[in-house]
């Protein structure tokens, strides 16, 4: 079993940071599990995911 954690933190200047951790870093050398596959996908695409999320939020605000 692998636990992948993604932490998104707001910063005082209105930006954000994203950190990722695996509970067992050696899992990268093992056959992939769903958690590892999904975490790797998110990590590889984090800029697009972040931009899409903010655009979605801005669109939701305009709909009100």
PDB file of N, CA and C in Angstrom:
ATOM      1  N   UNK A   1       0.846  -1.178   0.000  1.00  0.00           N
ATOM      2  CA  UNK A   1       0.000   0.000   0.000  1.00  0.00           C
ATOM      3  C   UNK A   1       0.886   1.234   0.000  1.00  0.00           C
ATOM      4  N   UNK A   2       0.485   2.218  -0.765  1.00  0.00           N
ATOM      5  CA  UNK A   2       1.198   3.486  -0.852  1.00  0.00           C
ATOM      6  C   UNK A   2       0.220   4.606  -0.519  1.00  0.00           C
ATOM      7  N   UNK A   3       0.674   5.539   0.285  1.00  0.00           N
ATOM      8  CA  UNK A   3      -0.108   6.735   0.544  1.00  0.00           C
ATOM      9  C   UNK A   3       0.596   7.909  -0.114  1.00  0.00           C
ATOM     10  N   UNK A   4      -0.090   8.545  -1.042  1.00  0.00           N
ATOM     11  CA  UNK A   4       0.429   9.739  -1.708  1.00  0.00           C
ATOM     12  C   UNK A   4      -0.343  10.932  -1.160  1.00  0.00           C
ATOM     13  N   UNK A   5       0.385  11.946  -0.729  1.00  0.00           N
ATOM     14  CA  UNK A   5      -0.231  13.129  -0.145  1.00  0.00           C
ATOM     15  C   UNK A   5       0.148  14.351  -0.968  1.00  0.00           C
ATOM     16  N   UNK A   6      -0.851  15.136  -1.321  1.00  0.00           N
ATOM     17  CA  UNK A   6      -0.621  16.395  -2.017  1.00  0.00           C
ATOM     18  C   UNK A   6      -1.169  17.497  -1.120  1.00  0.00           C
ATOM     19  N   UNK A   7      -0.312  18.466  -0.783  1.00  0.00           N
ATOM     20  CA  UNK A   7      -0.689  19.560   0.106  1.00  0.00           C
ATOM     21  C   UNK A   7      -0.611  20.864  -0.680  1.00  0.00           C
ATOM     22  N   UNK A   8      -1.696  21.619  -0.654  1.00  0.00           N
ATOM     23  CA  UNK A   8      -1.743  22.918  -1.321  1.00  0.00           C
ATOM     24  C   UNK A   8      -1.862  23.972  -0.227  1.00  0.00           C
ATOM     25  N   UNK A   9      -0.911  24.906  -0.215  1.00  0.00           N
ATOM     26  CA  UNK A   9      -0.880  25.938   0.822  1.00  0.00           C
ATOM     27  C   UNK A   9      -0.999  27.315   0.175  1.00  0.00           C
ATOM     28  N   UNK A  10      -1.863  28.147   0.768  1.00  0.00           N
ATOM     29  CA  UNK A  10      -1.933  29.544   0.355  1.00  0.00           C
ATOM     30  C   UNK A  10      -0.741  30.286   0.947  1.00  0.00           C
ATOM     31  N   UNK A  11      -0.259  31.277   0.215  1.00  0.00           N
ATOM     32  CA  UNK A  11       0.820  32.115   0.733  1.00  0.00           C
ATOM     33  C   UNK A  11       0.265  33.513   0.998  1.00  0.00           C
ATOM     34  N   UNK A  12       0.920  34.300   1.843  1.00  0.00           N
ATOM     35  CA  UNK A  12       0.405  35.630   2.191  1.00  0.00           C
ATOM     36  C   UNK A  12       0.210  36.558   0.990  1.00  0.00           C
ATOM     37  N   UNK A  13       0.945  36.338  -0.080  1.00  0.00           N
ATOM     38  CA  UNK A  13       0.830  37.224  -1.244  1.00  0.00           C
ATOM     39  C   UNK A  13      -0.232  36.775  -2.246  1.00  0.00           C
ATOM     40  N   UNK A  14      -1.093  35.848  -1.846  1.00  0.00           N
ATOM     41  CA  UNK A  14      -2.180  35.405  -2.710  1.00  0.00           C
ATOM     42  C   UNK A  14      -1.801  34.307  -3.683  1.00  0.00           C
ATOM     43  N   UNK A  15      -0.603  33.815  -3.595  1.00  0.00           N
ATOM     44  CA  UNK A  15      -0.165  32.711  -4.438  1.00  0.00           C
ATOM     45  C   UNK A  15      -0.371  31.397  -3.676  1.00  0.00           C
ATOM     46  N   UNK A  16       0.182  30.317  -4.178  1.00  0.00           N
ATOM     47  CA  UNK A  16       0.066  29.030  -3.498  1.00  0.00           C
ATOM     48  C   UNK A  16       1.293  28.188  -3.789  1.00  0.00           C
ATOM     49  N   UNK A  17       1.511  27.229  -2.918  1.00  0.00           N
ATOM     50  CA  UNK A  17       2.567  26.246  -3.141  1.00  0.00           C
ATOM     51  C   UNK A  17       1.930  24.872  -3.106  1.00  0.00           C
ATOM     52  N   UNK A  18       2.546  23.946  -3.803  1.00  0.00           N
ATOM     53  CA  UNK A  18       2.052  22.577  -3.838  1.00  0.00           C
ATOM     54  C   UNK A  18       3.208  21.653  -3.498  1.00  0.00           C
ATOM     55  N   UNK A  19       2.963  20.765  -2.542  1.00  0.00           N
ATOM     56  CA  UNK A  19       3.969  19.794  -2.137  1.00  0.00           C
ATOM     57  C   UNK A  19       3.375  18.401  -2.264  1.00  0.00           C
ATOM     58  N   UNK A  20       4.185  17.456  -2.638  1.00  0.00           N
ATOM     59  CA  UNK A  20       3.746  16.075  -2.722  1.00  0.00           C
ATOM     60  C   UNK A  20       4.692  15.164  -1.968  1.00  0.00           C
ATOM     61  N   UNK A  21       4.134  14.146  -1.349  1.00  0.00           N
ATOM     62  CA  UNK A  21       4.938  13.187  -0.596  1.00  0.00           C
ATOM     63  C   UNK A  21       4.397  11.777  -0.794  1.00  0.00           C
ATOM     64  N   UNK A  22       5.302  10.827  -0.783  1.00  0.00           N
ATOM     65  CA  UNK A  22       4.940   9.414  -0.728  1.00  0.00           C
ATOM     66  C   UNK A  22       5.358   8.902   0.636  1.00  0.00           C
ATOM     67  N   UNK A  23       4.522   8.088   1.254  1.00  0.00           N
ATOM     68  CA  UNK A  23       4.907   7.548   2.557  1.00  0.00           C
ATOM     69  C   UNK A  23       6.088   6.589   2.434  1.00  0.00           C
ATOM     70  N   UNK A  24       6.254   6.025   1.254  1.00  0.00           N
ATOM     71  CA  UNK A  24       7.394   5.133   0.996  1.00  0.00           C
ATOM     72  C   UNK A  24       8.039   5.538  -0.329  1.00  0.00           C
ATOM     73  N   UNK A  25       9.022   6.428  -0.306  1.00  0.00           N
ATOM     74  CA  UNK A  25       9.648   6.865  -1.560  1.00  0.00           C
ATOM     75  C   UNK A  25      10.215   5.720  -2.399  1.00  0.00           C
ATOM     76  N   UNK A  26      10.603   4.626  -1.760  1.00  0.00           N
ATOM     77  CA  UNK A  26      11.125   3.478  -2.510  1.00  0.00           C
ATOM     78  C   UNK A  26      10.053   2.836  -3.392  1.00  0.00           C
ATOM     79  N   UNK A  27       8.796   3.219  -3.197  1.00  0.00           N
ATOM     80  CA  UNK A  27       7.709   2.690  -4.024  1.00  0.00           C
ATOM     81  C   UNK A  27       7.897   3.061  -5.496  1.00  0.00           C
ATOM     82  N   UNK A  28       8.680   4.101  -5.758  1.00  0.00           N
ATOM     83  CA  UNK A  28       8.947   4.477  -7.151  1.00  0.00           C
ATOM     84  C   UNK A  28       9.690   3.380  -7.900  1.00  0.00           C
ATOM     85  N   UNK A  29      10.350   2.488  -7.166  1.00  0.00           N
ATOM     86  CA  UNK A  29      11.095   1.385  -7.780  1.00  0.00           C
ATOM     87  C   UNK A  29      10.292   0.091  -7.850  1.00  0.00           C
ATOM     88  N   UNK A  30       9.028   0.141  -7.439  1.00  0.00           N
ATOM     89  CA  UNK A  30       8.167  -1.041  -7.414  1.00  0.00           C
ATOM     90  C   UNK A  30       7.136  -0.948  -8.540  1.00  0.00           C
ATOM     91  N   UNK A  31       6.428  -2.046  -8.812  1.00  0.00           N
ATOM     92  CA  UNK A  31       5.347  -1.968  -9.804  1.00  0.00           C
ATOM     93  C   UNK A  31       4.335  -0.895  -9.387  1.00  0.00           C
ATOM     94  N   UNK A  32       3.838  -0.122 -10.337  1.00  0.00           N
ATOM     95  CA  UNK A  32       2.946   0.980  -9.989  1.00  0.00           C
ATOM     96  C   UNK A  32       1.612   0.506  -9.418  1.00  0.00           C
ATOM     97  N   UNK A  33       1.119   1.281  -8.474  1.00  0.00           N
ATOM     98  CA  UNK A  33      -0.200   1.063  -7.879  1.00  0.00           C
ATOM     99  C   UNK A  33      -1.100   2.213  -8.324  1.00  0.00           C
ATOM    100  N   UNK A  34      -2.415   2.091  -8.137  1.00  0.00           N
ATOM    101  CA  UNK A  34      -3.292   3.206  -8.505  1.00  0.00           C
ATOM    102  C   UNK A  34      -2.892   4.522  -7.829  1.00  0.00           C
ATOM    103  N   UNK A  35      -2.536   4.478  -6.549  1.00  0.00           N
ATOM    104  CA  UNK A  35      -2.148   5.715  -5.853  1.00  0.00           C
ATOM    105  C   UNK A  35      -0.926   6.346  -6.500  1.00  0.00           C
ATOM    106  N   UNK A  36       0.046   5.535  -6.842  1.00  0.00           N
ATOM    107  CA  UNK A  36       1.263   6.053  -7.458  1.00  0.00           C
ATOM    108  C   UNK A  36       0.983   6.595  -8.860  1.00  0.00           C
ATOM    109  N   UNK A  37       0.162   5.900  -9.619  1.00  0.00           N
ATOM    110  CA  UNK A  37      -0.184   6.345 -10.973  1.00  0.00           C
ATOM    111  C   UNK A  37      -0.916   7.685 -10.921  1.00  0.00           C
ATOM    112  N   UNK A  38      -1.910   7.798 -10.053  1.00  0.00           N
ATOM    113  CA  UNK A  38      -2.693   9.034  -9.962  1.00  0.00           C
ATOM    114  C   UNK A  38      -1.835  10.183  -9.449  1.00  0.00           C
ATOM    115  N   UNK A  39      -1.034   9.942  -8.416  1.00  0.00           N
ATOM    116  CA  UNK A  39      -0.164  10.992  -7.877  1.00  0.00           C
ATOM    117  C   UNK A  39       0.847  11.457  -8.914  1.00  0.00           C
ATOM    118  N   UNK A  40       1.384  10.530  -9.680  1.00  0.00           N
ATOM    119  CA  UNK A  40       2.344  10.886 -10.722  1.00  0.00           C
ATOM    120  C   UNK A  40       1.673  11.712 -11.809  1.00  0.00           C
ATOM    121  N   UNK A  41       0.464  11.328 -12.192  1.00  0.00           N
ATOM    122  CA  UNK A  41      -0.282  12.085 -13.202  1.00  0.00           C
ATOM    123  C   UNK A  41      -0.543  13.508 -12.721  1.00  0.00           C
ATOM    124  N   UNK A  42      -1.022  13.634 -11.481  1.00  0.00           N
ATOM    125  CA  UNK A  42      -1.296  14.967 -10.937  1.00  0.00           C
ATOM    126  C   UNK A  42      -0.013  15.795 -10.907  1.00  0.00           C
ATOM    127  N   UNK A  43       1.067  15.192 -10.448  1.00  0.00           N
ATOM    128  CA  UNK A  43       2.344  15.908 -10.379  1.00  0.00           C
ATOM    129  C   UNK A  43       2.808  16.371 -11.756  1.00  0.00           C
ATOM    130  N   UNK A  44       2.675  15.512 -12.749  1.00  0.00           N
ATOM    131  CA  UNK A  44       3.133  15.847 -14.097  1.00  0.00           C
ATOM    132  C   UNK A  44       2.276  16.928 -14.753  1.00  0.00           C
ATOM    133  N   UNK A  45       1.037  17.061 -14.298  1.00  0.00           N
ATOM    134  CA  UNK A  45       0.096  17.986 -14.931  1.00  0.00           C
ATOM    135  C   UNK A  45      -0.380  19.086 -13.990  1.00  0.00           C
ATOM    136  N   UNK A  46       0.352  19.338 -12.907  1.00  0.00           N
ATOM    137  CA  UNK A  46      -0.128  20.240 -11.863  1.00  0.00           C
ATOM    138  C   UNK A  46      -0.373  21.660 -12.366  1.00  0.00           C
ATOM    139  N   UNK A  47       0.436  22.160 -13.273  1.00  0.00           N
ATOM    140  CA  UNK A  47       0.229  23.525 -13.769  1.00  0.00           C
ATOM    141  C   UNK A  47      -1.115  23.634 -14.485  1.00  0.00           C
ATOM    142  N   UNK A  48      -1.428  22.689 -15.354  1.00  0.00           N
ATOM    143  CA  UNK A  48      -2.704  22.710 -16.085  1.00  0.00           C
ATOM    144  C   UNK A  48      -3.876  22.497 -15.137  1.00  0.00           C
ATOM    145  N   UNK A  49      -3.737  21.562 -14.208  1.00  0.00           N
ATOM    146  CA  UNK A  49      -4.808  21.305 -13.243  1.00  0.00           C
ATOM    147  C   UNK A  49      -5.077  22.558 -12.416  1.00  0.00           C
ATOM    148  N   UNK A  50      -4.025  23.223 -11.954  1.00  0.00           N
ATOM    149  CA  UNK A  50      -4.173  24.445 -11.156  1.00  0.00           C
ATOM    150  C   UNK A  50      -4.848  25.546 -11.967  1.00  0.00           C
ATOM    151  N   UNK A  51      -4.376  25.768 -13.190  1.00  0.00           N
ATOM    152  CA  UNK A  51      -4.977  26.794 -14.047  1.00  0.00           C
ATOM    153  C   UNK A  51      -6.443  26.492 -14.320  1.00  0.00           C
ATOM    154  N   UNK A  52      -6.763  25.229 -14.601  1.00  0.00           N
ATOM    155  CA  UNK A  52      -8.150  24.836 -14.865  1.00  0.00           C
ATOM    156  C   UNK A  52      -9.029  25.052 -13.637  1.00  0.00           C
ATOM    157  N   UNK A  53      -8.511  24.731 -12.455  1.00  0.00           N
ATOM    158  CA  UNK A  53      -9.291  24.896 -11.227  1.00  0.00           C
ATOM    159  C   UNK A  53      -9.595  26.369 -10.970  1.00  0.00           C
ATOM    160  N   UNK A  54      -8.608  27.225 -11.153  1.00  0.00           N
ATOM    161  CA  UNK A  54      -8.819  28.656 -10.932  1.00  0.00           C
ATOM    162  C   UNK A  54      -9.771  29.222 -11.981  1.00  0.00           C
ATOM    163  N   UNK A  55      -9.637  28.807 -13.227  1.00  0.00           N
ATOM    164  CA  UNK A  55     -10.561  29.250 -14.276  1.00  0.00           C
ATOM    165  C   UNK A  55     -11.980  28.783 -13.972  1.00  0.00           C
ATOM    166  N   UNK A  56     -12.129  27.544 -13.506  1.00  0.00           N
ATOM    167  CA  UNK A  56     -13.449  27.020 -13.143  1.00  0.00           C
ATOM    168  C   UNK A  56     -14.052  27.862 -12.030  1.00  0.00           C
ATOM    169  N   UNK A  57     -13.254  28.171 -11.010  1.00  0.00           N
ATOM    170  CA  UNK A  57     -13.749  28.972  -9.891  1.00  0.00           C
ATOM    171  C   UNK A  57     -14.189  30.355 -10.377  1.00  0.00           C
ATOM    172  N   UNK A  58     -13.376  30.977 -11.210  1.00  0.00           N
ATOM    173  CA  UNK A  58     -13.727  32.301 -11.729  1.00  0.00           C
ATOM    174  C   UNK A  58     -15.012  32.252 -12.537  1.00  0.00           C
ATOM    175  N   UNK A  59     -15.223  31.191 -13.303  1.00  0.00           N
ATOM    176  CA  UNK A  59     -16.459  31.020 -14.064  1.00  0.00           C
ATOM    177  C   UNK A  59     -17.650  30.847 -13.129  1.00  0.00           C
ATOM    178  N   UNK A  60     -17.462  30.093 -12.057  1.00  0.00           N
ATOM    179  CA  UNK A  60     -18.547  29.887 -11.092  1.00  0.00           C
ATOM    180  C   UNK A  60     -18.935  31.212 -10.445  1.00  0.00           C
ATOM    181  N   UNK A  61     -17.964  32.061 -10.157  1.00  0.00           N
ATOM    182  CA  UNK A  61     -18.245  33.366  -9.564  1.00  0.00           C
ATOM    183  C   UNK A  61     -19.021  34.263 -10.508  1.00  0.00           C
ATOM    184  N   UNK A  62     -18.749  34.152 -11.795  1.00  0.00           N
ATOM    185  CA  UNK A  62     -19.453  34.949 -12.795  1.00  0.00           C
ATOM    186  C   UNK A  62     -20.890  34.483 -12.965  1.00  0.00           C
ATOM    187  N   UNK A  63     -21.171  33.223 -12.655  1.00  0.00           N
ATOM    188  CA  UNK A  63     -22.511  32.666 -12.841  1.00  0.00           C
ATOM    189  C   UNK A  63     -23.476  33.130 -11.758  1.00  0.00           C
ATOM    190  N   UNK A  64     -22.965  33.665 -10.670  1.00  0.00           N
ATOM    191  CA  UNK A  64     -23.846  34.089  -9.556  1.00  0.00           C
ATOM    192  C   UNK A  64     -24.528  35.391  -9.838  1.00  0.00           C
TER     193      UNK A  64
END
